Amino acid sequence: MSSDIDLSPDQYRDLAEFRRQIRQFLHFSESTAKEHEIEPQQHQLLLAVHGLPEGVKPTIREIAARLFIQHHSAVELVNRLVVHGAIVRTPSTDDKREVWIRLTPAGRAVLRRLALAHRMELERSGPELARTLNSVLRHSKKAAGL
């Protein structure tokens, strides 16, 4: 990108507002997880496991990639969730050397409560977030001459 290209003041304001709204949602998410006595990254791991696309194996490697964390960090998160009774490790049905991560009924119950709270928050804050994102994109298209 050329150093002589810049954004307009409105584009900076839109980006700043969009970033603020994302951070507001993340703050809500982190606080809500802690209220449910689970760490935010543990919540993310539960959601990543339960929300995997069909056909994707629930391995530590896959979960680490989806959470953008190192393999050993994913192992530690899994270990803590096993202790909490939220997940179990099971041998793969395809390859007995591979271990899959599964939610327990307790893990599904915690995730369900968190998912419902997040869905309600998105219903509340989502329209404004969408308007801001549309404004960012609209200014981007104008700047690009589209």
Protein backbone atom coordinates (compact mmCIF):
# COMPACT_ATOMS: atom_id res chain seq x y z
CA MET A 1 0.00 0.00 0.00
CA SER A 2 1.31 3.43 -0.94
CA SER A 3 2.29 5.78 1.87
CA ASP A 4 0.53 8.72 0.14
CA ILE A 5 -2.90 7.10 0.55
CA ASP A 6 -4.80 7.99 3.71
CA LEU A 7 -8.30 7.68 5.10
CA SER A 8 -10.71 10.53 5.55
CA PRO A 9 -11.61 11.73 9.06
CA ASP A 10 -15.01 10.03 8.65
CA GLN A 11 -13.32 6.75 7.76
CA TYR A 12 -11.14 6.95 10.87
CA ARG A 13 -14.22 7.70 12.98
CA ASP A 14 -16.09 4.75 11.45
CA LEU A 15 -13.18 2.39 12.07
CA ALA A 16 -12.79 3.64 15.63
CA GLU A 17 -16.50 3.19 16.32
CA PHE A 18 -16.55 -0.27 14.76
CA ARG A 19 -13.54 -1.28 16.87
CA ARG A 20 -15.22 0.15 20.00
CA GLN A 21 -18.36 -1.86 19.35
CA ILE A 22 -16.41 -5.07 18.77
CA ARG A 23 -14.49 -4.47 22.00
CA GLN A 24 -17.76 -3.77 23.83
CA PHE A 25 -19.13 -7.13 22.69
CA LEU A 26 -15.90 -8.89 23.67
CA HIS A 27 -16.05 -7.24 27.10
CA PHE A 28 -19.63 -8.49 27.47
CA SER A 29 -18.51 -11.97 26.41
CA GLU A 30 -15.59 -12.07 28.84
CA SER A 31 -17.69 -10.78 31.75
CA THR A 32 -20.52 -13.19 31.03
CA ALA A 33 -18.15 -16.16 30.91
CA LYS A 34 -16.70 -15.20 34.29
CA GLU A 35 -20.22 -14.79 35.73
CA HIS A 36 -20.82 -18.41 34.69
CA GLU A 37 -17.59 -19.42 36.47
CA ILE A 38 -15.65 -20.18 33.32
CA GLU A 39 -12.69 -18.38 31.78
CA PRO A 40 -13.32 -16.60 28.47
CA GLN A 41 -10.88 -18.84 26.56
CA GLN A 42 -12.57 -21.90 28.03
CA HIS A 43 -15.89 -20.60 26.74
CA GLN A 44 -14.30 -20.05 23.32
CA LEU A 45 -12.98 -23.62 23.34
CA LEU A 46 -16.40 -25.06 24.22
CA LEU A 47 -17.99 -23.02 21.45
CA ALA A 48 -15.27 -23.99 18.96
CA VAL A 49 -15.73 -27.70 19.71
CA HIS A 50 -19.52 -27.62 19.62
CA GLY A 51 -19.66 -25.31 16.59
CA LEU A 52 -17.22 -27.16 14.33
CA PRO A 53 -18.35 -27.47 10.72
CA GLU A 54 -19.69 -30.88 9.78
CA GLY A 55 -16.89 -33.28 8.92
CA VAL A 56 -14.19 -31.38 10.85
CA LYS A 57 -12.59 -33.52 13.54
CA PRO A 58 -12.60 -32.09 17.09
CA THR A 59 -8.85 -32.53 17.68
CA ILE A 60 -6.59 -30.37 19.81
CA ARG A 61 -4.76 -29.29 16.65
CA GLU A 62 -8.01 -28.12 15.03
CA ILE A 63 -9.18 -26.31 18.15
CA ALA A 64 -5.81 -24.60 18.59
CA ALA A 65 -5.96 -23.39 14.99
CA ARG A 66 -9.50 -22.07 15.41
CA LEU A 67 -8.62 -20.24 18.63
CA PHE A 68 -5.34 -18.90 17.18
CA ILE A 69 -3.36 -20.36 20.08
CA GLN A 70 -0.40 -22.71 20.37
CA HIS A 71 -1.01 -26.45 20.63
CA HIS A 72 0.31 -26.59 24.20
CA SER A 73 -2.05 -23.76 25.23
CA ALA A 74 -4.99 -25.70 23.80
CA VAL A 75 -3.87 -28.79 25.72
CA GLU A 76 -3.83 -26.76 28.94
CA LEU A 77 -7.31 -25.37 28.27
CA VAL A 78 -8.58 -28.87 27.57
CA ASN A 79 -6.96 -30.16 30.76
CA ARG A 80 -8.73 -27.49 32.83
CA LEU A 81 -12.07 -28.20 31.19
CA VAL A 82 -11.64 -31.94 31.79
CA VAL A 83 -11.09 -31.18 35.50
CA HIS A 84 -14.26 -29.05 35.49
CA GLY A 85 -16.16 -31.92 33.90
CA ALA A 86 -17.07 -29.85 30.83
CA ILE A 87 -15.30 -32.00 28.23
CA VAL A 88 -13.85 -35.46 27.79
CA ARG A 89 -11.17 -36.86 25.54
CA THR A 90 -12.20 -39.84 23.42
CA PRO A 91 -10.26 -41.94 20.92
CA SER A 92 -11.03 -41.18 17.29
CA THR A 93 -13.34 -43.61 15.56
CA ASP A 94 -11.01 -43.47 12.52
CA ASP A 95 -7.55 -43.54 14.07
CA LYS A 96 -7.07 -44.78 17.63
CA ARG A 97 -3.88 -42.67 17.94
CA GLU A 98 -5.95 -39.51 17.49
CA VAL A 99 -7.90 -38.00 20.39
CA TRP A 100 -11.14 -36.09 19.95
CA ILE A 101 -12.59 -33.53 22.32
CA ARG A 102 -16.28 -33.88 23.24
CA LEU A 103 -18.52 -31.78 25.45
CA THR A 104 -20.11 -33.50 28.42
CA PRO A 105 -23.72 -32.79 29.37
CA ALA A 106 -22.37 -30.30 31.95
CA GLY A 107 -20.25 -28.63 29.27
CA ARG A 108 -23.22 -28.40 26.91
CA ALA A 109 -25.33 -26.88 29.69
CA VAL A 110 -22.76 -24.15 30.41
CA LEU A 111 -22.30 -23.48 26.72
CA ARG A 112 -26.08 -23.30 26.17
CA ARG A 113 -26.47 -20.68 28.93
CA LEU A 114 -23.59 -18.64 27.51
CA ALA A 115 -24.83 -18.97 23.93
CA LEU A 116 -28.29 -17.75 24.90
CA ALA A 117 -26.84 -14.75 26.72
CA HIS A 118 -24.65 -13.94 23.73
CA ARG A 119 -27.55 -14.30 21.33
CA MET A 120 -29.60 -11.85 23.40
CA GLU A 121 -26.71 -9.38 23.46
CA LEU A 122 -26.27 -9.66 19.69
CA GLU A 123 -29.98 -9.07 19.19
CA ARG A 124 -29.59 -5.92 21.31
CA SER A 125 -26.30 -4.57 19.94
CA GLY A 126 -26.13 -6.23 16.53
CA PRO A 127 -28.16 -3.71 14.53
CA GLU A 128 -25.86 -0.83 15.55
CA LEU A 129 -22.78 -2.97 14.89
CA ALA A 130 -24.14 -3.81 11.42
CA ARG A 131 -24.87 -0.12 10.69
CA THR A 132 -21.32 0.81 11.67
CA LEU A 133 -19.81 -1.98 9.58
CA ASN A 134 -21.94 -0.88 6.61
CA SER A 135 -20.68 2.67 7.07
CA VAL A 136 -17.06 1.45 7.10
CA LEU A 137 -17.67 -0.56 3.93
CA ARG A 138 -19.59 2.25 2.24
CA HIS A 139 -16.70 4.67 2.83
CA SER A 140 -14.24 2.03 1.58
CA LYS A 141 -16.19 1.61 -1.67
CA LYS A 142 -16.35 5.38 -2.17
CA ALA A 143 -12.60 5.68 -1.61
CA ALA A 144 -11.97 2.86 -4.08
CA GLY A 145 -14.28 4.50 -6.63
CA LEU A 146 -16.73 1.58 -6.67
